[in-house]
Amino acid sequence: LTGNDYLRSRCDLEAKSAMGLEHPNIVRAIDVGEDNARHYLAMEFIDGESVNKRIAREGALPEPDAIKIAVAVARALDKAHSEGLVHRDVKPDNILVTKAGDVKLTDLGLAKKAEIDLDLTRTGKGLGTPHFMAPEQFRDAKNVDPRSDIYALGAT
């Protein structure tokens, strides 16, 4: 896939976005680069599972667990938003819970820096995971703002 300039640009954007965010509820990006014509992104190892896998295994989360996870993700989003980033793909698959119970938001692959337009997202195109996307994101993912992440967290 690295031969696809569009996908490589997305990966580079994810890496640069993630590397700039230091927060206990965001998976840390450690390094990005190319080795022997292979592109890579090294990220913090999370010893745990996604919220989606937990729900598939156990069913609906107990209310206290759901609140703890939602608050942690809201804190992560607050940090991202304060840095001008909109995640655009908040969903149970992108929320990890460590064995120790720490909550981490991951996958900034669709993140958009508010003041930077690399023309990777086209106006009039939706981008994200439909079950969790804000209605305006279906129509125009390029011009969404932090409110779309808040909507997605609520849907999650």
Protein backbone atom coordinates (compact mmCIF):
# COMPACT_ATOMS: atom_id res chain seq x y z
CA LEU A 1 0.00 0.00 0.00
CA THR A 2 2.97 2.35 0.42
CA GLY A 3 3.08 2.70 -3.36
CA ASN A 4 -0.18 4.61 -3.05
CA ASP A 5 0.77 8.25 -2.49
CA TYR A 6 -2.63 9.02 -0.96
CA LEU A 7 -2.40 6.24 1.65
CA ARG A 8 1.24 7.05 2.39
CA SER A 9 0.27 10.69 2.97
CA ARG A 10 -2.47 9.54 5.36
CA CYS A 11 0.01 7.39 7.28
CA ASP A 12 2.50 10.26 7.48
CA LEU A 13 -0.25 12.54 8.73
CA GLU A 14 -1.28 10.01 11.39
CA ALA A 15 2.30 9.69 12.54
CA LYS A 16 2.94 13.41 12.73
CA SER A 17 -0.38 14.02 14.47
CA ALA A 18 0.19 11.28 17.02
CA MET A 19 3.81 12.23 17.67
CA GLY A 20 2.77 15.74 18.60
CA LEU A 21 0.24 14.64 21.21
CA GLU A 22 1.43 13.79 24.70
CA HIS A 23 -1.46 12.77 26.94
CA PRO A 24 -2.03 9.79 29.25
CA ASN A 25 -5.22 8.88 27.35
CA ILE A 26 -3.68 8.95 23.86
CA VAL A 27 -1.56 6.13 22.42
CA ARG A 28 1.90 7.60 21.96
CA ALA A 29 3.63 7.49 18.58
CA ILE A 30 7.32 6.77 19.02
CA ASP A 31 8.86 6.87 15.58
CA VAL A 32 7.98 7.13 11.92
CA GLY A 33 10.19 6.53 8.95
CA GLU A 34 11.27 4.38 6.09
CA ASP A 35 13.66 1.44 6.15
CA ASN A 36 14.63 -0.47 3.00
CA ALA A 37 11.74 1.18 1.11
CA ARG A 38 9.28 0.09 3.84
CA HIS A 39 7.38 2.78 5.68
CA TYR A 40 6.66 2.28 9.35
CA LEU A 41 4.99 3.84 12.36
CA ALA A 42 6.10 2.60 15.77
CA MET A 43 3.59 3.22 18.53
CA GLU A 44 3.36 2.60 22.26
CA PHE A 45 2.51 -1.02 23.05
CA ILE A 46 -0.85 -1.32 24.76
CA ASP A 47 -1.29 -4.50 26.76
CA GLY A 48 -5.06 -4.78 26.62
CA GLU A 49 -7.91 -4.72 24.14
CA SER A 50 -10.31 -2.44 22.32
CA VAL A 51 -13.64 -1.52 23.83
CA ASN A 52 -15.22 -3.18 20.80
CA LYS A 53 -13.59 -6.54 21.63
CA ARG A 54 -14.65 -6.26 25.24
CA ILE A 55 -18.25 -5.53 24.25
CA ALA A 56 -18.21 -8.47 21.82
CA ARG A 57 -16.97 -10.75 24.61
CA GLU A 58 -18.98 -9.45 27.59
CA GLY A 59 -21.90 -7.52 26.16
CA ALA A 60 -22.89 -4.04 27.29
CA LEU A 61 -20.46 -2.38 29.68
CA PRO A 62 -21.49 -1.70 33.25
CA GLU A 63 -22.41 1.97 33.65
CA PRO A 64 -19.39 2.87 35.87
CA ASP A 65 -17.01 1.37 33.28
CA ALA A 66 -18.73 3.16 30.41
CA ILE A 67 -18.53 6.49 32.27
CA LYS A 68 -14.84 5.98 33.10
CA ILE A 69 -14.05 5.23 29.45
CA ALA A 70 -16.12 8.13 28.12
CA VAL A 71 -14.48 10.61 30.51
CA ALA A 72 -10.99 9.39 29.58
CA VAL A 73 -11.73 9.67 25.86
CA ALA A 74 -13.25 13.13 26.39
CA ARG A 75 -9.98 14.18 28.07
CA ALA A 76 -7.98 12.79 25.14
CA LEU A 77 -10.21 14.63 22.68
CA ASP A 78 -9.90 17.83 24.69
CA LYS A 79 -6.11 17.58 24.30
CA ALA A 80 -6.37 16.83 20.58
CA HIS A 81 -8.84 19.67 20.05
CA SER A 82 -6.64 22.10 22.00
CA GLU A 83 -3.86 21.22 19.52
CA GLY A 84 -6.17 21.91 16.59
CA LEU A 85 -6.79 18.24 15.73
CA VAL A 86 -10.15 16.66 14.98
CA HIS A 87 -9.97 12.84 15.28
CA ARG A 88 -12.86 12.04 12.89
CA ASP A 89 -13.02 8.32 13.73
CA VAL A 90 -13.90 7.94 17.41
CA LYS A 91 -15.41 4.47 17.84
CA PRO A 92 -15.08 1.45 20.16
CA ASP A 93 -12.35 -0.08 17.96
CA ASN A 94 -10.19 3.02 18.49
CA ILE A 95 -10.49 3.04 22.27
CA LEU A 96 -8.11 0.69 24.04
CA VAL A 97 -8.21 -0.37 27.67
CA THR A 98 -5.03 -1.73 29.23
CA LYS A 99 -5.02 -4.69 31.61
CA ALA A 100 -4.40 -2.12 34.36
CA GLY A 101 -7.60 -0.29 33.34
CA ASP A 102 -6.04 2.74 31.63
CA VAL A 103 -7.98 4.10 28.66
CA LYS A 104 -6.17 5.15 25.46
CA LEU A 105 -7.52 6.74 22.28
CA THR A 106 -5.73 5.53 19.16
CA ASP A 107 -5.79 5.69 15.36
CA LEU A 108 -5.33 9.28 14.35
CA GLY A 109 -5.33 8.17 10.70
CA LEU A 110 -8.33 10.35 9.87
CA ALA A 111 -7.26 13.22 12.11
CA LYS A 112 -7.37 16.63 10.55
CA LYS A 113 -5.29 19.60 11.66
CA ALA A 114 -7.74 22.48 11.61
CA GLU A 115 -5.41 25.05 10.07
CA ILE A 116 -3.67 22.68 7.61
CA ASP A 117 -5.32 21.43 4.45
CA LEU A 118 -3.21 18.84 2.65
CA ASP A 119 -6.13 18.24 0.28
CA LEU A 120 -6.31 14.63 1.49
CA THR A 121 -10.00 14.98 2.21
CA ARG A 122 -12.30 16.23 -0.50
CA THR A 123 -15.18 18.59 0.18
CA GLY A 124 -18.47 16.76 -0.22
CA LYS A 125 -17.02 13.39 0.83
CA GLY A 126 -17.71 11.49 4.03
CA LEU A 127 -14.85 9.96 5.98
CA GLY A 128 -15.04 7.82 9.12
CA THR A 129 -17.06 4.88 10.40
CA PRO A 130 -20.74 5.40 9.53
CA HIS A 131 -22.28 4.01 12.74
CA PHE A 132 -20.48 6.63 14.82
CA MET A 133 -20.22 9.61 12.44
CA ALA A 134 -21.96 12.91 12.95
CA PRO A 135 -24.46 13.62 10.13
CA GLU A 136 -22.41 16.57 8.85
CA GLN A 137 -19.37 14.31 8.50
CA PHE A 138 -21.22 12.20 5.92
CA ARG A 139 -21.64 15.25 3.74
CA ASP A 140 -18.33 17.00 4.26
CA ALA A 141 -15.59 15.37 6.34
CA LYS A 142 -13.11 18.05 5.28
CA ASN A 143 -14.90 20.80 7.17
CA VAL A 144 -15.91 19.10 10.43
CA ASP A 145 -14.89 20.52 13.79
CA PRO A 146 -14.51 19.11 17.33
CA ARG A 147 -18.29 18.76 17.66
CA SER A 148 -18.18 15.76 15.29
CA ASP A 149 -15.80 13.98 17.71
CA ILE A 150 -18.13 14.73 20.61
CA TYR A 151 -21.05 13.31 18.62
CA ALA A 152 -19.01 10.17 17.83
CA LEU A 153 -18.08 9.74 21.49
CA GLY A 154 -21.77 9.97 22.40
CA ALA A 155 -22.63 7.40 19.73
CA THR A 156 -19.88 5.17 21.07
